[in-house]
């Protein structure tokens, strides 16, 4: 999807709630590509792209040309993980479950992914990070750490629990069950 297609896709959704009272089914009047959208929606879509998506691409130190490629096609592992975080920032869900989002990343990429999670996290949403490595937690403000063994939470604590695991491992928690 290239920039124009992405902007048209954003405009398509913006058009459903357009101030002009139009909807995407045809009430809007300017033909843009294969989508019919009004000028207000197209302007809104351009602004969203320029002010919102590009800002996050820059914050995550991503190559802006990646936006022109098919989703995750030909991406390296690190590019895929950064792209997942970009999607998280753009979609802004109430709950994000990140399963091993740090897997296979080098130190710099982990910092970038952590930065994206910090940009996302606020009082209006929640993040659940599933990881086997505490390195990603070093750059995040962690509210709780839970240890799961055989599908059950066996210990809950603060970020200090993650530090303990880093030093001592999971052994004593596995042996307790």
N, C-alpha and C. Protein backbone atom coordinates (compact mmCIF):
# COMPACT_ATOMS: atom_id res chain seq x y z
N UNK A 1 0.85 -1.17 0.00
CA UNK A 1 0.00 0.00 0.00
C UNK A 1 0.90 1.24 0.00
N UNK A 2 0.72 2.11 -0.99
CA UNK A 2 1.53 3.32 -1.02
C UNK A 2 0.85 4.43 -0.22
N UNK A 3 1.51 5.59 -0.13
CA UNK A 3 1.00 6.70 0.67
C UNK A 3 -0.40 7.10 0.23
N UNK A 4 -0.64 7.23 -1.07
CA UNK A 4 -1.94 7.65 -1.56
C UNK A 4 -3.02 6.64 -1.17
N UNK A 5 -2.72 5.36 -1.31
CA UNK A 5 -3.69 4.33 -0.93
C UNK A 5 -3.98 4.37 0.56
N UNK A 6 -2.94 4.57 1.37
CA UNK A 6 -3.14 4.66 2.81
C UNK A 6 -4.01 5.86 3.17
N UNK A 7 -3.73 7.00 2.57
CA UNK A 7 -4.53 8.20 2.83
C UNK A 7 -5.98 7.98 2.39
N UNK A 8 -6.17 7.34 1.25
CA UNK A 8 -7.53 7.05 0.79
C UNK A 8 -8.25 6.11 1.75
N UNK A 9 -7.52 5.15 2.31
CA UNK A 9 -8.11 4.22 3.26
C UNK A 9 -8.54 4.97 4.53
N UNK A 10 -7.69 5.87 5.01
CA UNK A 10 -8.04 6.69 6.17
C UNK A 10 -9.26 7.55 5.84
N UNK A 11 -9.27 8.15 4.66
CA UNK A 11 -10.39 9.01 4.25
C UNK A 11 -11.69 8.24 4.17
N UNK A 12 -11.62 7.01 3.74
CA UNK A 12 -12.83 6.18 3.64
C UNK A 12 -13.50 6.07 5.01
N UNK A 13 -12.71 5.86 6.06
CA UNK A 13 -13.28 5.72 7.39
C UNK A 13 -13.68 7.08 7.96
N UNK A 14 -12.92 8.12 7.66
CA UNK A 14 -13.27 9.46 8.12
C UNK A 14 -14.59 9.91 7.51
N UNK A 15 -14.86 9.50 6.30
CA UNK A 15 -16.05 9.92 5.57
C UNK A 15 -17.33 9.44 6.25
N UNK A 16 -17.28 8.34 6.95
CA UNK A 16 -18.48 7.83 7.61
C UNK A 16 -18.96 8.76 8.72
N UNK A 17 -18.08 9.58 9.25
CA UNK A 17 -18.47 10.50 10.32
C UNK A 17 -18.21 11.94 9.90
N UNK A 18 -18.32 12.21 8.63
CA UNK A 18 -17.97 13.50 8.06
C UNK A 18 -18.89 14.61 8.56
N UNK A 19 -18.30 15.79 8.79
CA UNK A 19 -19.09 16.96 9.20
C UNK A 19 -20.08 17.39 8.12
N UNK A 20 -19.84 16.98 6.90
CA UNK A 20 -20.74 17.31 5.81
C UNK A 20 -22.00 16.45 5.87
N UNK A 21 -22.02 15.47 6.76
CA UNK A 21 -23.17 14.59 6.88
C UNK A 21 -23.19 13.50 5.85
N UNK A 22 -22.15 13.42 5.05
CA UNK A 22 -22.09 12.41 4.01
C UNK A 22 -21.67 11.08 4.59
N UNK A 23 -21.82 10.05 3.81
CA UNK A 23 -21.27 8.77 4.21
C UNK A 23 -20.54 8.17 3.02
N UNK A 24 -19.80 7.14 3.27
CA UNK A 24 -18.94 6.60 2.23
C UNK A 24 -19.72 5.95 1.09
N UNK A 25 -21.02 5.77 1.30
CA UNK A 25 -21.82 5.10 0.27
C UNK A 25 -22.11 5.97 -0.94
N UNK A 26 -21.66 7.22 -0.95
CA UNK A 26 -21.83 8.00 -2.17
C UNK A 26 -22.26 9.43 -1.97
N UNK A 27 -22.63 9.85 -0.75
CA UNK A 27 -23.04 11.22 -0.54
C UNK A 27 -21.88 12.19 -0.68
N UNK A 28 -20.67 11.73 -0.42
CA UNK A 28 -19.51 12.60 -0.57
C UNK A 28 -19.18 12.72 -2.05
N UNK A 29 -18.53 13.82 -2.43
CA UNK A 29 -18.55 14.20 -3.82
C UNK A 29 -17.25 14.20 -4.62
N UNK A 30 -16.09 14.14 -4.02
CA UNK A 30 -14.85 14.16 -4.80
C UNK A 30 -14.34 12.75 -5.03
N UNK A 31 -14.00 12.43 -6.26
CA UNK A 31 -13.48 11.10 -6.56
C UNK A 31 -11.96 11.13 -6.37
N UNK A 32 -11.47 10.34 -5.44
CA UNK A 32 -10.04 10.23 -5.14
C UNK A 32 -9.68 8.77 -5.37
N UNK A 33 -8.91 8.51 -6.38
CA UNK A 33 -8.55 7.12 -6.65
C UNK A 33 -9.81 6.31 -6.92
N UNK A 34 -9.91 5.16 -6.25
CA UNK A 34 -11.10 4.34 -6.43
C UNK A 34 -12.14 4.59 -5.35
N UNK A 35 -11.84 5.49 -4.41
CA UNK A 35 -12.76 5.79 -3.33
C UNK A 35 -13.43 7.13 -3.55
N UNK A 36 -14.68 7.25 -3.14
CA UNK A 36 -15.39 8.52 -3.20
C UNK A 36 -15.36 9.13 -1.81
N UNK A 37 -14.72 10.29 -1.68
CA UNK A 37 -14.66 10.97 -0.39
C UNK A 37 -14.81 12.45 -0.61
N UNK A 38 -15.31 13.14 0.40
CA UNK A 38 -15.42 14.59 0.27
C UNK A 38 -14.08 15.25 0.59
N UNK A 39 -13.95 16.51 0.23
CA UNK A 39 -12.70 17.25 0.45
C UNK A 39 -12.34 17.34 1.91
N UNK A 40 -13.33 17.48 2.79
CA UNK A 40 -13.05 17.54 4.23
C UNK A 40 -12.41 16.24 4.69
N UNK A 41 -12.98 15.13 4.27
CA UNK A 41 -12.44 13.83 4.69
C UNK A 41 -11.04 13.61 4.13
N UNK A 42 -10.82 14.01 2.89
CA UNK A 42 -9.51 13.85 2.28
C UNK A 42 -8.50 14.72 3.02
N UNK A 43 -8.87 15.94 3.37
CA UNK A 43 -7.99 16.81 4.13
C UNK A 43 -7.67 16.24 5.50
N UNK A 44 -8.71 15.68 6.14
CA UNK A 44 -8.51 15.05 7.44
C UNK A 44 -7.55 13.87 7.31
N UNK A 45 -7.73 13.07 6.28
CA UNK A 45 -6.86 11.91 6.07
C UNK A 45 -5.41 12.33 5.85
N UNK A 46 -5.20 13.38 5.04
CA UNK A 46 -3.84 13.88 4.83
C UNK A 46 -3.22 14.35 6.13
N UNK A 47 -4.00 15.07 6.93
CA UNK A 47 -3.50 15.58 8.21
C UNK A 47 -3.17 14.42 9.16
N UNK A 48 -4.04 13.41 9.21
CA UNK A 48 -3.77 12.24 10.05
C UNK A 48 -2.46 11.60 9.62
N UNK A 49 -2.29 11.42 8.32
CA UNK A 49 -1.07 10.79 7.83
C UNK A 49 0.15 11.63 8.19
N UNK A 50 0.10 12.91 7.87
CA UNK A 50 1.27 13.77 8.07
C UNK A 50 1.59 14.00 9.54
N UNK A 51 0.56 14.28 10.35
CA UNK A 51 0.79 14.66 11.74
C UNK A 51 0.88 13.48 12.68
N UNK A 52 0.32 12.38 12.30
CA UNK A 52 0.15 11.28 13.22
C UNK A 52 1.06 10.10 12.86
N UNK A 53 0.84 9.53 11.71
CA UNK A 53 1.59 8.34 11.32
C UNK A 53 3.07 8.68 11.10
N UNK A 54 3.35 9.75 10.38
CA UNK A 54 4.75 10.13 10.12
C UNK A 54 5.49 10.46 11.41
N UNK A 55 4.78 11.06 12.36
CA UNK A 55 5.39 11.38 13.66
C UNK A 55 5.86 10.10 14.34
N UNK A 56 5.01 9.07 14.33
CA UNK A 56 5.38 7.82 14.97
C UNK A 56 6.47 7.09 14.21
N UNK A 57 6.46 7.16 12.89
CA UNK A 57 7.52 6.56 12.09
C UNK A 57 8.86 7.17 12.50
N UNK A 58 8.87 8.48 12.66
CA UNK A 58 10.09 9.18 13.07
C UNK A 58 10.49 8.81 14.49
N UNK A 59 9.51 8.79 15.41
CA UNK A 59 9.79 8.45 16.82
C UNK A 59 10.40 7.06 16.96
N UNK A 60 9.96 6.13 16.10
CA UNK A 60 10.44 4.75 16.17
C UNK A 60 11.67 4.51 15.30
N UNK A 61 12.22 5.58 14.74
CA UNK A 61 13.41 5.48 13.88
C UNK A 61 13.21 4.47 12.76
N UNK A 62 12.02 4.49 12.18
CA UNK A 62 11.72 3.58 11.08
C UNK A 62 12.03 4.25 9.76
N UNK A 63 12.36 3.45 8.77
CA UNK A 63 12.55 3.96 7.43
C UNK A 63 11.18 4.35 6.87
N UNK A 64 10.97 5.61 6.51
CA UNK A 64 9.66 6.04 6.01
C UNK A 64 9.21 5.28 4.77
N UNK A 65 10.15 4.69 4.02
CA UNK A 65 9.79 3.93 2.83
C UNK A 65 9.08 2.62 3.16
N UNK A 66 9.18 2.16 4.42
CA UNK A 66 8.51 0.92 4.80
C UNK A 66 7.00 1.04 4.66
N UNK A 67 6.48 2.23 4.79
CA UNK A 67 5.04 2.46 4.69
C UNK A 67 4.53 2.14 3.29
N UNK A 68 5.41 2.14 2.31
CA UNK A 68 5.02 1.87 0.93
C UNK A 68 5.04 0.38 0.59
N UNK A 69 5.45 -0.45 1.53
CA UNK A 69 5.55 -1.89 1.27
C UNK A 69 4.32 -2.60 1.81
N UNK A 70 4.04 -3.78 1.28
CA UNK A 70 2.96 -4.60 1.82
C UNK A 70 3.26 -4.92 3.28
N UNK A 71 2.24 -5.11 4.05
CA UNK A 71 2.38 -5.34 5.48
C UNK A 71 3.29 -6.53 5.78
N UNK A 72 4.44 -6.24 6.37
CA UNK A 72 5.43 -7.21 6.83
C UNK A 72 6.06 -8.06 5.72
N UNK A 73 5.78 -7.78 4.46
CA UNK A 73 6.38 -8.54 3.37
C UNK A 73 7.80 -8.04 3.15
N UNK A 74 8.76 -8.95 3.27
CA UNK A 74 10.16 -8.60 3.08
C UNK A 74 10.77 -7.83 4.24
N UNK A 75 10.08 -7.75 5.36
CA UNK A 75 10.61 -7.04 6.52
C UNK A 75 11.54 -7.97 7.29
N UNK A 76 12.56 -7.40 7.90
CA UNK A 76 13.39 -8.17 8.82
C UNK A 76 12.58 -8.38 10.11
N UNK A 77 13.10 -9.22 10.99
CA UNK A 77 12.42 -9.45 12.27
C UNK A 77 12.24 -8.16 13.06
N UNK A 78 13.29 -7.35 13.10
CA UNK A 78 13.22 -6.08 13.83
C UNK A 78 12.23 -5.11 13.20
N UNK A 79 12.20 -5.08 11.86
CA UNK A 79 11.25 -4.20 11.16
C UNK A 79 9.82 -4.64 11.44
N UNK A 80 9.58 -5.95 11.50
CA UNK A 80 8.24 -6.45 11.81
C UNK A 80 7.81 -6.02 13.21
N UNK A 81 8.71 -6.13 14.16
CA UNK A 81 8.38 -5.76 15.54
C UNK A 81 8.11 -4.26 15.64
N UNK A 82 8.94 -3.44 14.99
CA UNK A 82 8.71 -2.00 15.00
C UNK A 82 7.39 -1.67 14.31
N UNK A 83 7.09 -2.38 13.23
CA UNK A 83 5.84 -2.16 12.50
C UNK A 83 4.64 -2.52 13.38
N UNK A 84 4.76 -3.57 14.18
CA UNK A 84 3.70 -3.94 15.11
C UNK A 84 3.46 -2.82 16.12
N UNK A 85 4.53 -2.22 16.59
CA UNK A 85 4.39 -1.12 17.55
C UNK A 85 3.80 0.11 16.86
N UNK A 86 4.19 0.37 15.61
CA UNK A 86 3.58 1.46 14.85
C UNK A 86 2.07 1.23 14.74
N UNK A 87 1.66 0.01 14.43
CA UNK A 87 0.23 -0.31 14.35
C UNK A 87 -0.44 -0.08 15.69
N UNK A 88 0.21 -0.47 16.77
CA UNK A 88 -0.31 -0.25 18.12
C UNK A 88 -0.57 1.24 18.36
N UNK A 89 0.40 2.07 17.99
CA UNK A 89 0.27 3.51 18.19
C UNK A 89 -0.85 4.10 17.34
N UNK A 90 -0.96 3.65 16.10
CA UNK A 90 -1.96 4.20 15.19
C UNK A 90 -3.36 3.72 15.57
N UNK A 91 -3.50 2.44 15.90
CA UNK A 91 -4.82 1.89 16.21
C UNK A 91 -5.29 2.25 17.62
N UNK A 92 -4.34 2.42 18.54
CA UNK A 92 -4.62 2.86 19.90
C UNK A 92 -5.72 2.06 20.59
N UNK A 93 -5.55 0.74 20.71
CA UNK A 93 -6.57 -0.06 21.39
C UNK A 93 -6.59 0.20 22.89
N UNK A 94 -7.66 -0.18 23.54
CA UNK A 94 -7.76 -0.04 25.00
C UNK A 94 -6.85 -1.05 25.71
N UNK A 95 -6.66 -2.21 25.10
CA UNK A 95 -5.81 -3.26 25.66
C UNK A 95 -4.90 -3.79 24.57
N UNK A 96 -3.61 -3.85 24.88
CA UNK A 96 -2.64 -4.44 23.96
C UNK A 96 -1.98 -5.62 24.65
N UNK A 97 -2.01 -6.77 24.00
CA UNK A 97 -1.32 -7.95 24.50
C UNK A 97 -0.15 -8.20 23.56
N UNK A 98 1.05 -8.01 24.07
CA UNK A 98 2.28 -8.14 23.27
C UNK A 98 2.98 -9.42 23.69
N UNK A 99 2.89 -10.43 22.85
CA UNK A 99 3.45 -11.74 23.15
C UNK A 99 4.85 -11.84 22.57
N UNK A 100 5.83 -11.83 23.44
CA UNK A 100 7.25 -11.93 23.09
C UNK A 100 7.63 -10.91 22.02
N UNK A 101 7.18 -9.69 22.20
CA UNK A 101 7.48 -8.62 21.25
C UNK A 101 8.97 -8.30 21.20
N UNK A 102 9.72 -8.77 22.19
CA UNK A 102 11.16 -8.54 22.25
C UNK A 102 11.97 -9.70 21.69
N UNK A 103 11.32 -10.76 21.30
CA UNK A 103 12.01 -11.96 20.83
C UNK A 103 12.84 -11.67 19.58
N UNK A 104 14.10 -12.02 19.65
CA UNK A 104 15.00 -11.90 18.50
C UNK A 104 15.49 -10.49 18.21
N UNK A 105 15.22 -9.54 19.08
CA UNK A 105 15.63 -8.16 18.83
C UNK A 105 16.98 -7.87 19.45
N UNK A 106 17.76 -7.01 18.77
CA UNK A 106 19.01 -6.56 19.36
C UNK A 106 18.71 -5.45 20.36
N UNK A 107 19.73 -5.00 21.06
CA UNK A 107 19.57 -4.02 22.13
C UNK A 107 18.92 -2.73 21.62
N UNK A 108 19.36 -2.24 20.47
CA UNK A 108 18.80 -1.00 19.93
C UNK A 108 17.32 -1.16 19.57
N UNK A 109 16.98 -2.28 18.96
CA UNK A 109 15.58 -2.51 18.58
C UNK A 109 14.70 -2.66 19.82
N UNK A 110 15.22 -3.28 20.88
CA UNK A 110 14.45 -3.39 22.13
C UNK A 110 14.18 -2.00 22.70
N UNK A 111 15.17 -1.13 22.65
CA UNK A 111 14.96 0.26 23.12
C UNK A 111 13.88 0.95 22.29
N UNK A 112 13.91 0.75 20.99
CA UNK A 112 12.92 1.37 20.11
C UNK A 112 11.52 0.84 20.41
N UNK A 113 11.40 -0.47 20.56
CA UNK A 113 10.10 -1.07 20.87
C UNK A 113 9.61 -0.56 22.23
N UNK A 114 10.50 -0.49 23.20
CA UNK A 114 10.15 0.04 24.53
C UNK A 114 9.67 1.48 24.43
N UNK A 115 10.35 2.27 23.62
CA UNK A 115 9.96 3.66 23.42
C UNK A 115 8.53 3.74 22.86
N UNK A 116 8.24 2.88 21.89
CA UNK A 116 6.89 2.85 21.32
C UNK A 116 5.84 2.46 22.34
N UNK A 117 6.16 1.48 23.18
CA UNK A 117 5.22 1.07 24.23
C UNK A 117 5.00 2.21 25.20
N UNK A 118 6.07 2.92 25.55
CA UNK A 118 5.93 4.08 26.45
C UNK A 118 5.10 5.20 25.81
N UNK A 119 5.23 5.39 24.49
CA UNK A 119 4.41 6.39 23.80
C UNK A 119 2.93 6.00 23.83
N UNK A 120 2.67 4.71 23.78
CA UNK A 120 1.29 4.21 23.76
C UNK A 120 0.64 4.24 25.15
N UNK A 121 1.37 3.82 26.15
CA UNK A 121 0.81 3.59 27.49
C UNK A 121 0.37 4.90 28.15
N UNK A 122 -0.88 4.87 28.63
CA UNK A 122 -1.40 6.01 29.39
C UNK A 122 -2.51 5.53 30.32
N UNK A 123 -3.20 6.46 30.95
CA UNK A 123 -4.26 6.12 31.91
C UNK A 123 -5.49 5.50 31.25
N UNK A 124 -5.60 5.62 29.93
CA UNK A 124 -6.79 5.17 29.21
C UNK A 124 -6.64 3.77 28.61
N UNK A 125 -5.47 3.14 28.77
CA UNK A 125 -5.27 1.84 28.15
C UNK A 125 -4.42 0.95 29.05
N UNK A 126 -4.22 -0.27 28.61
CA UNK A 126 -3.43 -1.23 29.37
C UNK A 126 -2.57 -2.04 28.41
N UNK A 127 -1.41 -2.46 28.91
CA UNK A 127 -0.48 -3.27 28.12
C UNK A 127 -0.13 -4.50 28.94
N UNK A 128 -0.27 -5.66 28.31
CA UNK A 128 0.18 -6.91 28.90
C UNK A 128 1.34 -7.40 28.03
N UNK A 129 2.51 -7.48 28.63
CA UNK A 129 3.70 -7.92 27.90
C UNK A 129 4.06 -9.32 28.38
N UNK A 130 4.08 -10.25 27.45
CA UNK A 130 4.47 -11.62 27.74
C UNK A 130 5.90 -11.77 27.24
N UNK A 131 6.81 -12.11 28.14
CA UNK A 131 8.22 -12.19 27.76
C UNK A 131 8.94 -13.25 28.59
N UNK A 132 10.02 -13.76 28.04
CA UNK A 132 10.90 -14.68 28.76
C UNK A 132 12.19 -13.98 29.13
N UNK A 133 12.30 -12.73 28.76
CA UNK A 133 13.53 -11.97 28.94
C UNK A 133 13.17 -10.63 29.58
N UNK A 134 13.85 -10.24 30.61
CA UNK A 134 13.51 -9.01 31.31
C UNK A 134 14.13 -7.76 30.67
N UNK A 135 14.92 -7.93 29.64
CA UNK A 135 15.61 -6.78 29.04
C UNK A 135 14.64 -5.68 28.60
N UNK A 136 13.50 -6.06 28.01
CA UNK A 136 12.55 -5.05 27.55
C UNK A 136 11.96 -4.26 28.71
N UNK A 137 11.88 -4.89 29.88
CA UNK A 137 11.29 -4.23 31.04
C UNK A 137 12.18 -3.14 31.63
N UNK A 138 13.47 -3.17 31.30
CA UNK A 138 14.41 -2.18 31.83
C UNK A 138 14.11 -0.77 31.36
N UNK A 139 13.45 -0.64 30.22
CA UNK A 139 13.14 0.67 29.67
C UNK A 139 11.68 1.06 29.83
N UNK A 140 10.93 0.28 30.61
CA UNK A 140 9.50 0.54 30.81
C UNK A 140 9.20 0.74 32.28
N UNK A 141 8.18 1.52 32.54
CA UNK A 141 7.67 1.63 33.91
C UNK A 141 6.65 0.50 34.07
N UNK A 142 7.02 -0.49 34.85
CA UNK A 142 6.20 -1.68 35.00
C UNK A 142 5.33 -1.54 36.25
N UNK A 143 4.04 -1.75 36.09
CA UNK A 143 3.13 -1.69 37.24
C UNK A 143 3.15 -3.00 38.02
N UNK A 144 3.08 -4.12 37.30
CA UNK A 144 3.06 -5.43 37.93
C UNK A 144 3.89 -6.41 37.10
N UNK A 145 4.45 -7.38 37.79
CA UNK A 145 5.12 -8.50 37.15
C UNK A 145 4.44 -9.76 37.68
N UNK A 146 4.02 -10.62 36.77
CA UNK A 146 3.40 -11.90 37.15
C UNK A 146 4.27 -13.02 36.60
N UNK A 147 4.45 -14.04 37.40
CA UNK A 147 5.17 -15.23 36.95
C UNK A 147 4.16 -16.33 36.75
N UNK A 148 4.16 -16.91 35.55
CA UNK A 148 3.28 -18.02 35.22
C UNK A 148 4.08 -19.31 35.15
N UNK A 149 3.57 -20.33 35.78
CA UNK A 149 4.14 -21.67 35.68
C UNK A 149 2.99 -22.62 35.40
N UNK A 150 3.09 -23.38 34.35
CA UNK A 150 2.04 -24.32 33.95
C UNK A 150 0.67 -23.65 33.85
N UNK A 151 0.66 -22.44 33.32
CA UNK A 151 -0.59 -21.73 33.08
C UNK A 151 -1.20 -21.05 34.29
N UNK A 152 -0.50 -21.05 35.41
CA UNK A 152 -1.03 -20.43 36.63
C UNK A 152 -0.09 -19.33 37.11
N UNK A 153 -0.67 -18.24 37.61
CA UNK A 153 0.15 -17.18 38.20
C UNK A 153 0.61 -17.68 39.57
N UNK A 154 1.93 -17.81 39.73
CA UNK A 154 2.49 -18.31 40.99
C UNK A 154 3.09 -17.20 41.85
N UNK A 155 3.31 -16.04 41.23
CA UNK A 155 3.89 -14.92 41.99
C UNK A 155 3.55 -13.62 41.26
N UNK A 156 3.18 -12.61 42.03
CA UNK A 156 2.93 -11.27 41.51
C UNK A 156 3.76 -10.29 42.34
N UNK A 157 4.34 -9.33 41.67
CA UNK A 157 5.14 -8.34 42.38
C UNK A 157 5.36 -7.11 41.53
N UNK A 158 6.27 -6.28 41.97
CA UNK A 158 6.62 -5.05 41.26
C UNK A 158 7.77 -5.34 40.30
N UNK A 159 8.35 -4.29 39.77
CA UNK A 159 9.49 -4.46 38.86
C UNK A 159 10.66 -5.13 39.56
N UNK A 160 10.69 -5.07 40.88
CA UNK A 160 11.75 -5.75 41.63
C UNK A 160 11.70 -7.27 41.42
N UNK A 161 10.51 -7.80 41.19
CA UNK A 161 10.39 -9.23 40.92
C UNK A 161 11.08 -9.57 39.60
N UNK A 162 10.97 -8.71 38.62
CA UNK A 162 11.67 -8.94 37.34
C UNK A 162 13.18 -8.92 37.55
N UNK A 163 13.65 -8.01 38.39
CA UNK A 163 15.09 -7.95 38.69
C UNK A 163 15.55 -9.22 39.39
N UNK A 164 14.71 -9.73 40.30
CA UNK A 164 15.04 -10.99 40.99
C UNK A 164 15.15 -12.14 39.99
N UNK A 165 14.21 -12.21 39.07
CA UNK A 165 14.22 -13.27 38.05
C UNK A 165 15.47 -13.17 37.19
N UNK A 166 15.85 -11.95 36.85
CA UNK A 166 17.05 -11.74 36.03
C UNK A 166 18.29 -12.29 36.75
N UNK A 167 18.36 -12.11 38.07
CA UNK A 167 19.52 -12.55 38.84
C UNK A 167 19.47 -14.05 39.16
N UNK A 168 18.28 -14.53 39.55
CA UNK A 168 18.18 -15.88 40.10
C UNK A 168 17.48 -16.89 39.19
N UNK A 169 16.81 -16.40 38.16
CA UNK A 169 16.08 -17.31 37.28
C UNK A 169 14.71 -17.69 37.83
N UNK A 170 14.03 -18.59 37.11
CA UNK A 170 12.69 -19.01 37.46
C UNK A 170 12.68 -20.27 38.32
N UNK A 171 13.82 -20.88 38.52
CA UNK A 171 13.93 -22.19 39.17
C UNK A 171 13.10 -22.35 40.42
N UNK A 172 13.20 -21.45 41.36
CA UNK A 172 12.49 -21.66 42.63
C UNK A 172 10.96 -21.60 42.45
N UNK A 173 10.51 -20.91 41.44
CA UNK A 173 9.06 -20.85 41.19
C UNK A 173 8.57 -22.09 40.48
N UNK A 174 9.41 -22.67 39.63
CA UNK A 174 9.05 -23.92 38.96
C UNK A 174 9.03 -25.07 39.94
N UNK A 175 9.95 -25.06 40.89
CA UNK A 175 10.05 -26.15 41.86
C UNK A 175 8.95 -26.10 42.90
N UNK A 176 8.33 -24.95 43.13
CA UNK A 176 7.27 -24.81 44.12
C UNK A 176 5.99 -25.50 43.68
N UNK A 177 5.84 -25.74 42.40
CA UNK A 177 4.57 -26.31 41.90
C UNK A 177 4.69 -27.76 41.60
